[in-house]
Amino acid sequence: MRPPESVRRDRDDLTYPVRVRFRVPSHDPGPMLERVQSWLRAELGARAVAHLVTGGDGPVLEAHFLDLGEAAQFQDAFPALELSAAQLGG
């Protein structure tokens, strides 16, 4: 049986064609995820999702969007998050 995180990632990849990964400060992963999820619910509703995953360099926020405009809107709202090139397992 595949790990739930892997199943969720596959489902999100099929539902949301745009996936962007951001480096998260290691001292702030939980609170950052809460702020991100609150913003997504308020601004985009069900049009986007985000999860914390483990990358090679620490926590990575994996965000899924329906289009590039929404991804850009998200990045504008969270300029402190840097893009990540992390390769994820699973």
PDB file of N, CA and C in Angstrom:
ATOM      1  N   MET A   1       0.846  -1.187   0.000  1.00  0.00           N
ATOM      2  CA  MET A   1       0.000   0.000   0.000  1.00  0.00           C
ATOM      3  C   MET A   1       0.890   1.247   0.000  1.00  0.00           C
ATOM      4  N   ARG A   2       0.526   2.219  -0.819  1.00  0.00           N
ATOM      5  CA  ARG A   2       1.307   3.457  -0.923  1.00  0.00           C
ATOM      6  C   ARG A   2       1.035   4.364   0.271  1.00  0.00           C
ATOM      7  N   PRO A   3       2.047   5.147   0.670  1.00  0.00           N
ATOM      8  CA  PRO A   3       1.849   6.079   1.788  1.00  0.00           C
ATOM      9  C   PRO A   3       0.789   7.125   1.441  1.00  0.00           C
ATOM     10  N   PRO A   4      -0.009   7.554   2.430  1.00  0.00           N
ATOM     11  CA  PRO A   4      -1.067   8.543   2.174  1.00  0.00           C
ATOM     12  C   PRO A   4      -0.539   9.817   1.506  1.00  0.00           C
ATOM     13  N   GLU A   5       0.676  10.256   1.874  1.00  0.00           N
ATOM     14  CA  GLU A   5       1.229  11.471   1.278  1.00  0.00           C
ATOM     15  C   GLU A   5       1.418  11.301  -0.226  1.00  0.00           C
ATOM     16  N   SER A   6       1.846  10.122  -0.641  1.00  0.00           N
ATOM     17  CA  SER A   6       2.053   9.853  -2.062  1.00  0.00           C
ATOM     18  C   SER A   6       0.723   9.834  -2.819  1.00  0.00           C
ATOM     19  N   VAL A   7      -0.287   9.237  -2.235  1.00  0.00           N
ATOM     20  CA  VAL A   7      -1.620   9.200  -2.851  1.00  0.00           C
ATOM     21  C   VAL A   7      -2.177  10.610  -2.970  1.00  0.00           C
ATOM     22  N   ARG A   8      -2.048  11.395  -1.910  1.00  0.00           N
ATOM     23  CA  ARG A   8      -2.535  12.778  -1.921  1.00  0.00           C
ATOM     24  C   ARG A   8      -1.812  13.597  -2.994  1.00  0.00           C
ATOM     25  N   ARG A   9      -0.507  13.425  -3.097  1.00  0.00           N
ATOM     26  CA  ARG A   9       0.273  14.170  -4.091  1.00  0.00           C
ATOM     27  C   ARG A   9      -0.188  13.821  -5.506  1.00  0.00           C
ATOM     28  N   ASP A  10      -0.422  12.541  -5.767  1.00  0.00           N
ATOM     29  CA  ASP A  10      -0.907  12.131  -7.095  1.00  0.00           C
ATOM     30  C   ASP A  10      -2.270  12.743  -7.389  1.00  0.00           C
ATOM     31  N   ARG A  11      -3.158  12.718  -6.399  1.00  0.00           N
ATOM     32  CA  ARG A  11      -4.496  13.296  -6.573  1.00  0.00           C
ATOM     33  C   ARG A  11      -4.408  14.793  -6.843  1.00  0.00           C
ATOM     34  N   ASP A  12      -3.567  15.489  -6.078  1.00  0.00           N
ATOM     35  CA  ASP A  12      -3.422  16.930  -6.269  1.00  0.00           C
ATOM     36  C   ASP A  12      -2.812  17.249  -7.634  1.00  0.00           C
ATOM     37  N   ASP A  13      -1.864  16.432  -8.085  1.00  0.00           N
ATOM     38  CA  ASP A  13      -1.263  16.657  -9.406  1.00  0.00           C
ATOM     39  C   ASP A  13      -2.304  16.527 -10.513  1.00  0.00           C
ATOM     40  N   LEU A  14      -3.248  15.617 -10.350  1.00  0.00           N
ATOM     41  CA  LEU A  14      -4.295  15.448 -11.364  1.00  0.00           C
ATOM     42  C   LEU A  14      -5.338  16.565 -11.306  1.00  0.00           C
ATOM     43  N   THR A  15      -5.632  17.049 -10.111  1.00  0.00           N
ATOM     44  CA  THR A  15      -6.670  18.056  -9.927  1.00  0.00           C
ATOM     45  C   THR A  15      -6.176  19.459 -10.236  1.00  0.00           C
ATOM     46  N   TYR A  16      -4.953  19.754  -9.827  1.00  0.00           N
ATOM     47  CA  TYR A  16      -4.396  21.104  -9.947  1.00  0.00           C
ATOM     48  C   TYR A  16      -3.164  21.048 -10.852  1.00  0.00           C
ATOM     49  N   PRO A  17      -3.244  21.583 -12.061  1.00  0.00           N
ATOM     50  CA  PRO A  17      -2.142  21.438 -13.012  1.00  0.00           C
ATOM     51  C   PRO A  17      -0.879  22.229 -12.685  1.00  0.00           C
ATOM     52  N   VAL A  18      -0.947  23.202 -11.789  1.00  0.00           N
ATOM     53  CA  VAL A  18       0.231  24.019 -11.461  1.00  0.00           C
ATOM     54  C   VAL A  18       0.695  23.680 -10.052  1.00  0.00           C
ATOM     55  N   ARG A  19       1.942  23.199  -9.947  1.00  0.00           N
ATOM     56  CA  ARG A  19       2.510  22.877  -8.632  1.00  0.00           C
ATOM     57  C   ARG A  19       3.762  23.731  -8.447  1.00  0.00           C
ATOM     58  N   VAL A  20       3.848  24.393  -7.299  1.00  0.00           N
ATOM     59  CA  VAL A  20       5.002  25.223  -6.983  1.00  0.00           C
ATOM     60  C   VAL A  20       5.490  24.833  -5.593  1.00  0.00           C
ATOM     61  N   ARG A  21       6.803  24.714  -5.466  1.00  0.00           N
ATOM     62  CA  ARG A  21       7.394  24.371  -4.172  1.00  0.00           C
ATOM     63  C   ARG A  21       8.175  25.566  -3.640  1.00  0.00           C
ATOM     64  N   PHE A  22       8.005  25.800  -2.337  1.00  0.00           N
ATOM     65  CA  PHE A  22       8.665  26.917  -1.670  1.00  0.00           C
ATOM     66  C   PHE A  22       9.447  26.405  -0.473  1.00  0.00           C
ATOM     67  N   ARG A  23      10.626  26.953  -0.246  1.00  0.00           N
ATOM     68  CA  ARG A  23      11.387  26.669   0.962  1.00  0.00           C
ATOM     69  C   ARG A  23      10.704  27.350   2.132  1.00  0.00           C
ATOM     70  N   VAL A  24      10.602  26.650   3.237  1.00  0.00           N
ATOM     71  CA  VAL A  24       9.987  27.202   4.445  1.00  0.00           C
ATOM     72  C   VAL A  24      11.069  27.323   5.509  1.00  0.00           C
ATOM     73  N   PRO A  25      11.149  28.457   6.191  1.00  0.00           N
ATOM     74  CA  PRO A  25      12.135  28.559   7.279  1.00  0.00           C
ATOM     75  C   PRO A  25      11.930  27.416   8.271  1.00  0.00           C
ATOM     76  N   SER A  26      12.992  26.713   8.598  1.00  0.00           N
ATOM     77  CA  SER A  26      12.857  25.522   9.448  1.00  0.00           C
ATOM     78  C   SER A  26      12.312  25.843  10.832  1.00  0.00           C
ATOM     79  N   HIS A  27      12.459  27.083  11.280  1.00  0.00           N
ATOM     80  CA  HIS A  27      11.939  27.455  12.597  1.00  0.00           C
ATOM     81  C   HIS A  27      10.451  27.808  12.542  1.00  0.00           C
ATOM     82  N   ASP A  28       9.831  27.795  11.350  1.00  0.00           N
ATOM     83  CA  ASP A  28       8.462  28.314  11.210  1.00  0.00           C
ATOM     84  C   ASP A  28       7.539  27.449  10.354  1.00  0.00           C
ATOM     85  N   PRO A  29       7.731  26.130  10.224  1.00  0.00           N
ATOM     86  CA  PRO A  29       6.883  25.412   9.275  1.00  0.00           C
ATOM     87  C   PRO A  29       5.406  25.359   9.643  1.00  0.00           C
ATOM     88  N   GLY A  30       5.084  25.066  10.882  1.00  0.00           N
ATOM     89  CA  GLY A  30       3.670  24.959  11.279  1.00  0.00           C
ATOM     90  C   GLY A  30       2.914  26.268  11.155  1.00  0.00           C
ATOM     91  N   PRO A  31       3.394  27.336  11.793  1.00  0.00           N
ATOM     92  CA  PRO A  31       2.703  28.618  11.682  1.00  0.00           C
ATOM     93  C   PRO A  31       2.615  29.125  10.235  1.00  0.00           C
ATOM     94  N   MET A  32       3.655  28.892   9.440  1.00  0.00           N
ATOM     95  CA  MET A  32       3.620  29.328   8.047  1.00  0.00           C
ATOM     96  C   MET A  32       2.519  28.591   7.300  1.00  0.00           C
ATOM     97  N   LEU A  33       2.416  27.281   7.502  1.00  0.00           N
ATOM     98  CA  LEU A  33       1.374  26.504   6.834  1.00  0.00           C
ATOM     99  C   LEU A  33      -0.011  27.010   7.229  1.00  0.00           C
ATOM    100  N   GLU A  34      -0.201  27.334   8.505  1.00  0.00           N
ATOM    101  CA  GLU A  34      -1.498  27.858   8.949  1.00  0.00           C
ATOM    102  C   GLU A  34      -1.827  29.173   8.244  1.00  0.00           C
ATOM    103  N   ARG A  35      -0.849  30.081   8.134  1.00  0.00           N
ATOM    104  CA  ARG A  35      -1.083  31.361   7.435  1.00  0.00           C
ATOM    105  C   ARG A  35      -1.393  31.129   5.965  1.00  0.00           C
ATOM    106  N   VAL A  36      -0.654  30.218   5.339  1.00  0.00           N
ATOM    107  CA  VAL A  36      -0.865  29.911   3.921  1.00  0.00           C
ATOM    108  C   VAL A  36      -2.256  29.332   3.708  1.00  0.00           C
ATOM    109  N   GLN A  37      -2.640  28.339   4.501  1.00  0.00           N
ATOM    110  CA  GLN A  37      -3.947  27.708   4.316  1.00  0.00           C
ATOM    111  C   GLN A  37      -5.083  28.688   4.579  1.00  0.00           C
ATOM    112  N   SER A  38      -4.921  29.562   5.547  1.00  0.00           N
ATOM    113  CA  SER A  38      -5.936  30.584   5.811  1.00  0.00           C
ATOM    114  C   SER A  38      -6.077  31.520   4.616  1.00  0.00           C
ATOM    115  N   TRP A  39      -4.953  31.953   4.055  1.00  0.00           N
ATOM    116  CA  TRP A  39      -4.981  32.841   2.889  1.00  0.00           C
ATOM    117  C   TRP A  39      -5.618  32.132   1.695  1.00  0.00           C
ATOM    118  N   LEU A  40      -5.235  30.880   1.465  1.00  0.00           N
ATOM    119  CA  LEU A  40      -5.802  30.134   0.332  1.00  0.00           C
ATOM    120  C   LEU A  40      -7.314  30.016   0.446  1.00  0.00           C
ATOM    121  N   ARG A  41      -7.800  29.680   1.636  1.00  0.00           N
ATOM    122  CA  ARG A  41      -9.258  29.563   1.829  1.00  0.00           C
ATOM    123  C   ARG A  41      -9.952  30.889   1.560  1.00  0.00           C
ATOM    124  N   ALA A  42      -9.383  31.980   2.071  1.00  0.00           N
ATOM    125  CA  ALA A  42     -10.009  33.298   1.925  1.00  0.00           C
ATOM    126  C   ALA A  42      -9.945  33.817   0.493  1.00  0.00           C
ATOM    127  N   GLU A  43      -8.834  33.585  -0.187  1.00  0.00           N
ATOM    128  CA  GLU A  43      -8.628  34.183  -1.508  1.00  0.00           C
ATOM    129  C   GLU A  43      -9.018  33.278  -2.671  1.00  0.00           C
ATOM    130  N   LEU A  44      -8.791  31.971  -2.536  1.00  0.00           N
ATOM    131  CA  LEU A  44      -9.002  31.072  -3.669  1.00  0.00           C
ATOM    132  C   LEU A  44     -10.001  29.950  -3.402  1.00  0.00           C
ATOM    133  N   GLY A  45     -10.395  29.770  -2.171  1.00  0.00           N
ATOM    134  CA  GLY A  45     -11.352  28.704  -1.857  1.00  0.00           C
ATOM    135  C   GLY A  45     -10.782  27.344  -2.226  1.00  0.00           C
ATOM    136  N   ALA A  46     -11.564  26.554  -2.951  1.00  0.00           N
ATOM    137  CA  ALA A  46     -11.146  25.203  -3.333  1.00  0.00           C
ATOM    138  C   ALA A  46     -10.267  25.197  -4.579  1.00  0.00           C
ATOM    139  N   ARG A  47      -9.860  26.368  -5.038  1.00  0.00           N
ATOM    140  CA  ARG A  47      -9.058  26.452  -6.263  1.00  0.00           C
ATOM    141  C   ARG A  47      -7.575  26.187  -6.023  1.00  0.00           C
ATOM    142  N   ALA A  48      -7.183  25.920  -4.777  1.00  0.00           N
ATOM    143  CA  ALA A  48      -5.777  25.655  -4.475  1.00  0.00           C
ATOM    144  C   ALA A  48      -5.660  24.894  -3.162  1.00  0.00           C
ATOM    145  N   VAL A  49      -4.553  24.156  -3.017  1.00  0.00           N
ATOM    146  CA  VAL A  49      -4.247  23.457  -1.770  1.00  0.00           C
ATOM    147  C   VAL A  49      -2.756  23.586  -1.501  1.00  0.00           C
ATOM    148  N   ALA A  50      -2.363  23.393  -0.247  1.00  0.00           N
ATOM    149  CA  ALA A  50      -0.946  23.426   0.110  1.00  0.00           C
ATOM    150  C   ALA A  50      -0.678  22.426   1.217  1.00  0.00           C
ATOM    151  N   HIS A  51       0.504  21.849   1.196  1.00  0.00           N
ATOM    152  CA  HIS A  51       0.926  20.870   2.195  1.00  0.00           C
ATOM    153  C   HIS A  51       2.388  21.114   2.531  1.00  0.00           C
ATOM    154  N   LEU A  52       2.779  20.757   3.736  1.00  0.00           N
ATOM    155  CA  LEU A  52       4.192  20.712   4.089  1.00  0.00           C
ATOM    156  C   LEU A  52       4.707  19.316   3.761  1.00  0.00           C
ATOM    157  N   VAL A  53       5.828  19.257   3.085  1.00  0.00           N
ATOM    158  CA  VAL A  53       6.447  17.985   2.759  1.00  0.00           C
ATOM    159  C   VAL A  53       7.930  18.084   3.111  1.00  0.00           C
ATOM    160  N   THR A  54       8.613  16.963   3.107  1.00  0.00           N
ATOM    161  CA  THR A  54      10.025  16.953   3.444  1.00  0.00           C
ATOM    162  C   THR A  54      10.854  16.998   2.179  1.00  0.00           C
ATOM    163  N   GLY A  55      11.720  17.987   2.103  1.00  0.00           N
ATOM    164  CA  GLY A  55      12.650  18.098   0.985  1.00  0.00           C
ATOM    165  C   GLY A  55      14.055  17.811   1.471  1.00  0.00           C
ATOM    166  N   GLY A  56      14.999  17.814   0.568  1.00  0.00           N
ATOM    167  CA  GLY A  56      16.377  17.538   0.930  1.00  0.00           C
ATOM    168  C   GLY A  56      16.968  18.577   1.856  1.00  0.00           C
ATOM    169  N   ASP A  57      16.467  19.814   1.781  1.00  0.00           N
ATOM    170  CA  ASP A  57      17.022  20.904   2.581  1.00  0.00           C
ATOM    171  C   ASP A  57      16.124  21.321   3.734  1.00  0.00           C
ATOM    172  N   GLY A  58      15.153  20.506   4.092  1.00  0.00           N
ATOM    173  CA  GLY A  58      14.245  20.849   5.175  1.00  0.00           C
ATOM    174  C   GLY A  58      12.815  20.946   4.690  1.00  0.00           C
ATOM    175  N   PRO A  59      11.952  21.631   5.452  1.00  0.00           N
ATOM    176  CA  PRO A  59      10.534  21.674   5.097  1.00  0.00           C
ATOM    177  C   PRO A  59      10.304  22.417   3.784  1.00  0.00           C
ATOM    178  N   VAL A  60       9.387  21.882   3.011  1.00  0.00           N
ATOM    179  CA  VAL A  60       9.009  22.468   1.728  1.00  0.00           C
ATOM    180  C   VAL A  60       7.494  22.605   1.718  1.00  0.00           C
ATOM    181  N   LEU A  61       7.023  23.763   1.289  1.00  0.00           N
ATOM    182  CA  LEU A  61       5.593  23.984   1.111  1.00  0.00           C
ATOM    183  C   LEU A  61       5.287  23.679  -0.341  1.00  0.00           C
ATOM    184  N   GLU A  62       4.452  22.684  -0.554  1.00  0.00           N
ATOM    185  CA  GLU A  62       4.053  22.319  -1.908  1.00  0.00           C
ATOM    186  C   GLU A  62       2.647  22.867  -2.122  1.00  0.00           C
ATOM    187  N   ALA A  63       2.517  23.809  -3.046  1.00  0.00           N
ATOM    188  CA  ALA A  63       1.232  24.453  -3.305  1.00  0.00           C
ATOM    189  C   ALA A  63       0.759  24.079  -4.706  1.00  0.00           C
ATOM    190  N   HIS A  64      -0.519  23.778  -4.821  1.00  0.00           N
ATOM    191  CA  HIS A  64      -1.124  23.377  -6.091  1.00  0.00           C
ATOM    192  C   HIS A  64      -2.210  24.393  -6.450  1.00  0.00           C
ATOM    193  N   PHE A  65      -2.204  24.820  -7.718  1.00  0.00           N
ATOM    194  CA  PHE A  65      -3.144  25.838  -8.196  1.00  0.00           C
ATOM    195  C   PHE A  65      -3.761  25.390  -9.509  1.00  0.00           C
ATOM    196  N   LEU A  66      -4.889  26.022  -9.863  1.00  0.00           N
ATOM    197  CA  LEU A  66      -5.525  25.716 -11.139  1.00  0.00           C
ATOM    198  C   LEU A  66      -4.891  26.473 -12.298  1.00  0.00           C
ATOM    199  N   ASP A  67      -4.257  27.620 -12.037  1.00  0.00           N
ATOM    200  CA  ASP A  67      -3.596  28.337 -13.125  1.00  0.00           C
ATOM    201  C   ASP A  67      -2.415  29.156 -12.614  1.00  0.00           C
ATOM    202  N   LEU A  68      -1.591  29.606 -13.534  1.00  0.00           N
ATOM    203  CA  LEU A  68      -0.382  30.349 -13.174  1.00  0.00           C
ATOM    204  C   LEU A  68      -0.685  31.688 -12.522  1.00  0.00           C
ATOM    205  N   GLY A  69      -1.794  32.320 -12.896  1.00  0.00           N
ATOM    206  CA  GLY A  69      -2.162  33.596 -12.283  1.00  0.00           C
ATOM    207  C   GLY A  69      -2.385  33.458 -10.789  1.00  0.00           C
ATOM    208  N   GLU A  70      -3.023  32.377 -10.380  1.00  0.00           N
ATOM    209  CA  GLU A  70      -3.248  32.141  -8.955  1.00  0.00           C
ATOM    210  C   GLU A  70      -1.926  31.860  -8.236  1.00  0.00           C
ATOM    211  N   ALA A  71      -1.021  31.147  -8.894  1.00  0.00           N
ATOM    212  CA  ALA A  71       0.296  30.899  -8.296  1.00  0.00           C
ATOM    213  C   ALA A  71       1.054  32.217  -8.113  1.00  0.00           C
ATOM    214  N   ALA A  72       0.968  33.101  -9.089  1.00  0.00           N
ATOM    215  CA  ALA A  72       1.635  34.406  -8.983  1.00  0.00           C
ATOM    216  C   ALA A  72       1.010  35.247  -7.876  1.00  0.00           C
ATOM    217  N   GLN A  73      -0.315  35.200  -7.772  1.00  0.00           N
ATOM    218  CA  GLN A  73      -1.021  35.926  -6.707  1.00  0.00           C
ATOM    219  C   GLN A  73      -0.551  35.427  -5.339  1.00  0.00           C
ATOM    220  N   PHE A  74      -0.395  34.118  -5.206  1.00  0.00           N
ATOM    221  CA  PHE A  74       0.080  33.529  -3.959  1.00  0.00           C
ATOM    222  C   PHE A  74       1.500  34.001  -3.648  1.00  0.00           C
ATOM    223  N   GLN A  75       2.368  33.951  -4.644  1.00  0.00           N
ATOM    224  CA  GLN A  75       3.758  34.356  -4.411  1.00  0.00           C
ATOM    225  C   GLN A  75       3.841  35.831  -4.033  1.00  0.00           C
ATOM    226  N   ASP A  76       2.987  36.662  -4.607  1.00  0.00           N
ATOM    227  CA  ASP A  76       2.951  38.077  -4.233  1.00  0.00           C
ATOM    228  C   ASP A  76       2.519  38.250  -2.774  1.00  0.00           C
ATOM    229  N   ALA A  77       1.623  37.379  -2.305  1.00  0.00           N
ATOM    230  CA  ALA A  77       1.121  37.474  -0.933  1.00  0.00           C
ATOM    231  C   ALA A  77       2.144  36.965   0.089  1.00  0.00           C
ATOM    232  N   PHE A  78       3.078  36.121  -0.349  1.00  0.00           N
ATOM    233  CA  PHE A  78       4.072  35.535   0.558  1.00  0.00           C
ATOM    234  C   PHE A  78       5.475  35.711  -0.027  1.00  0.00           C
ATOM    235  N   PRO A  79       5.943  36.957  -0.132  1.00  0.00           N
ATOM    236  CA  PRO A  79       7.245  37.202  -0.768  1.00  0.00           C
ATOM    237  C   PRO A  79       8.432  36.612  -0.001  1.00  0.00           C
ATOM    238  N   ALA A  80       8.263  36.294   1.278  1.00  0.00           N
ATOM    239  CA  ALA A  80       9.372  35.723   2.054  1.00  0.00           C
ATOM    240  C   ALA A  80       9.643  34.266   1.683  1.00  0.00           C
ATOM    241  N   LEU A  81       8.665  33.598   1.058  1.00  0.00           N
ATOM    242  CA  LEU A  81       8.875  32.209   0.648  1.00  0.00           C
ATOM    243  C   LEU A  81       9.679  32.192  -0.644  1.00  0.00           C
ATOM    244  N   GLU A  82      10.764  31.438  -0.648  1.00  0.00           N
ATOM    245  CA  GLU A  82      11.603  31.306  -1.835  1.00  0.00           C
ATOM    246  C   GLU A  82      11.244  30.030  -2.572  1.00  0.00           C
ATOM    247  N   LEU A  83      11.335  30.090  -3.890  1.00  0.00           N
ATOM    248  CA  LEU A  83      11.104  28.891  -4.680  1.00  0.00           C
ATOM    249  C   LEU A  83      12.103  27.808  -4.290  1.00  0.00           C
ATOM    250  N   SER A  84      11.671  26.567  -4.337  1.00  0.00           N
ATOM    251  CA  SER A  84      12.509  25.441  -3.981  1.00  0.00           C
ATOM    252  C   SER A  84      12.608  24.497  -5.165  1.00  0.00           C
ATOM    253  N   ALA A  85      13.781  23.945  -5.363  1.00  0.00           N
ATOM    254  CA  ALA A  85      13.979  22.936  -6.399  1.00  0.00           C
ATOM    255  C   ALA A  85      14.075  21.549  -5.761  1.00  0.00           C
ATOM    256  N   ALA A  86      13.529  21.397  -4.573  1.00  0.00           N
ATOM    257  CA  ALA A  86      13.637  20.137  -3.823  1.00  0.00           C
ATOM    258  C   ALA A  86      13.047  18.983  -4.606  1.00  0.00           C
ATOM    259  N   GLN A  87      13.743  17.879  -4.582  1.00  0.00           N
ATOM    260  CA  GLN A  87      13.227  16.630  -5.139  1.00  0.00           C
ATOM    261  C   GLN A  87      12.596  15.866  -3.991  1.00  0.00           C
ATOM    262  N   LEU A  88      11.355  15.474  -4.188  1.00  0.00           N
ATOM    263  CA  LEU A  88      10.619  14.798  -3.118  1.00  0.00           C
ATOM    264  C   LEU A  88      10.529  13.320  -3.408  1.00  0.00           C
ATOM    265  N   GLY A  89      10.587  12.545  -2.345  1.00  0.00           N
ATOM    266  CA  GLY A  89      10.446  11.097  -2.499  1.00  0.00           C
ATOM    267  C   GLY A  89       8.989  10.701  -2.567  1.00  0.00           C
ATOM    268  N   GLY A  90       8.751   9.415  -2.860  1.00  0.00           N
ATOM    269  CA  GLY A  90       7.396   8.897  -2.824  1.00  0.00           C
ATOM    270  C   GLY A  90       6.819   8.832  -4.158  1.00  0.00           C
TER     271      GLY A  90
END
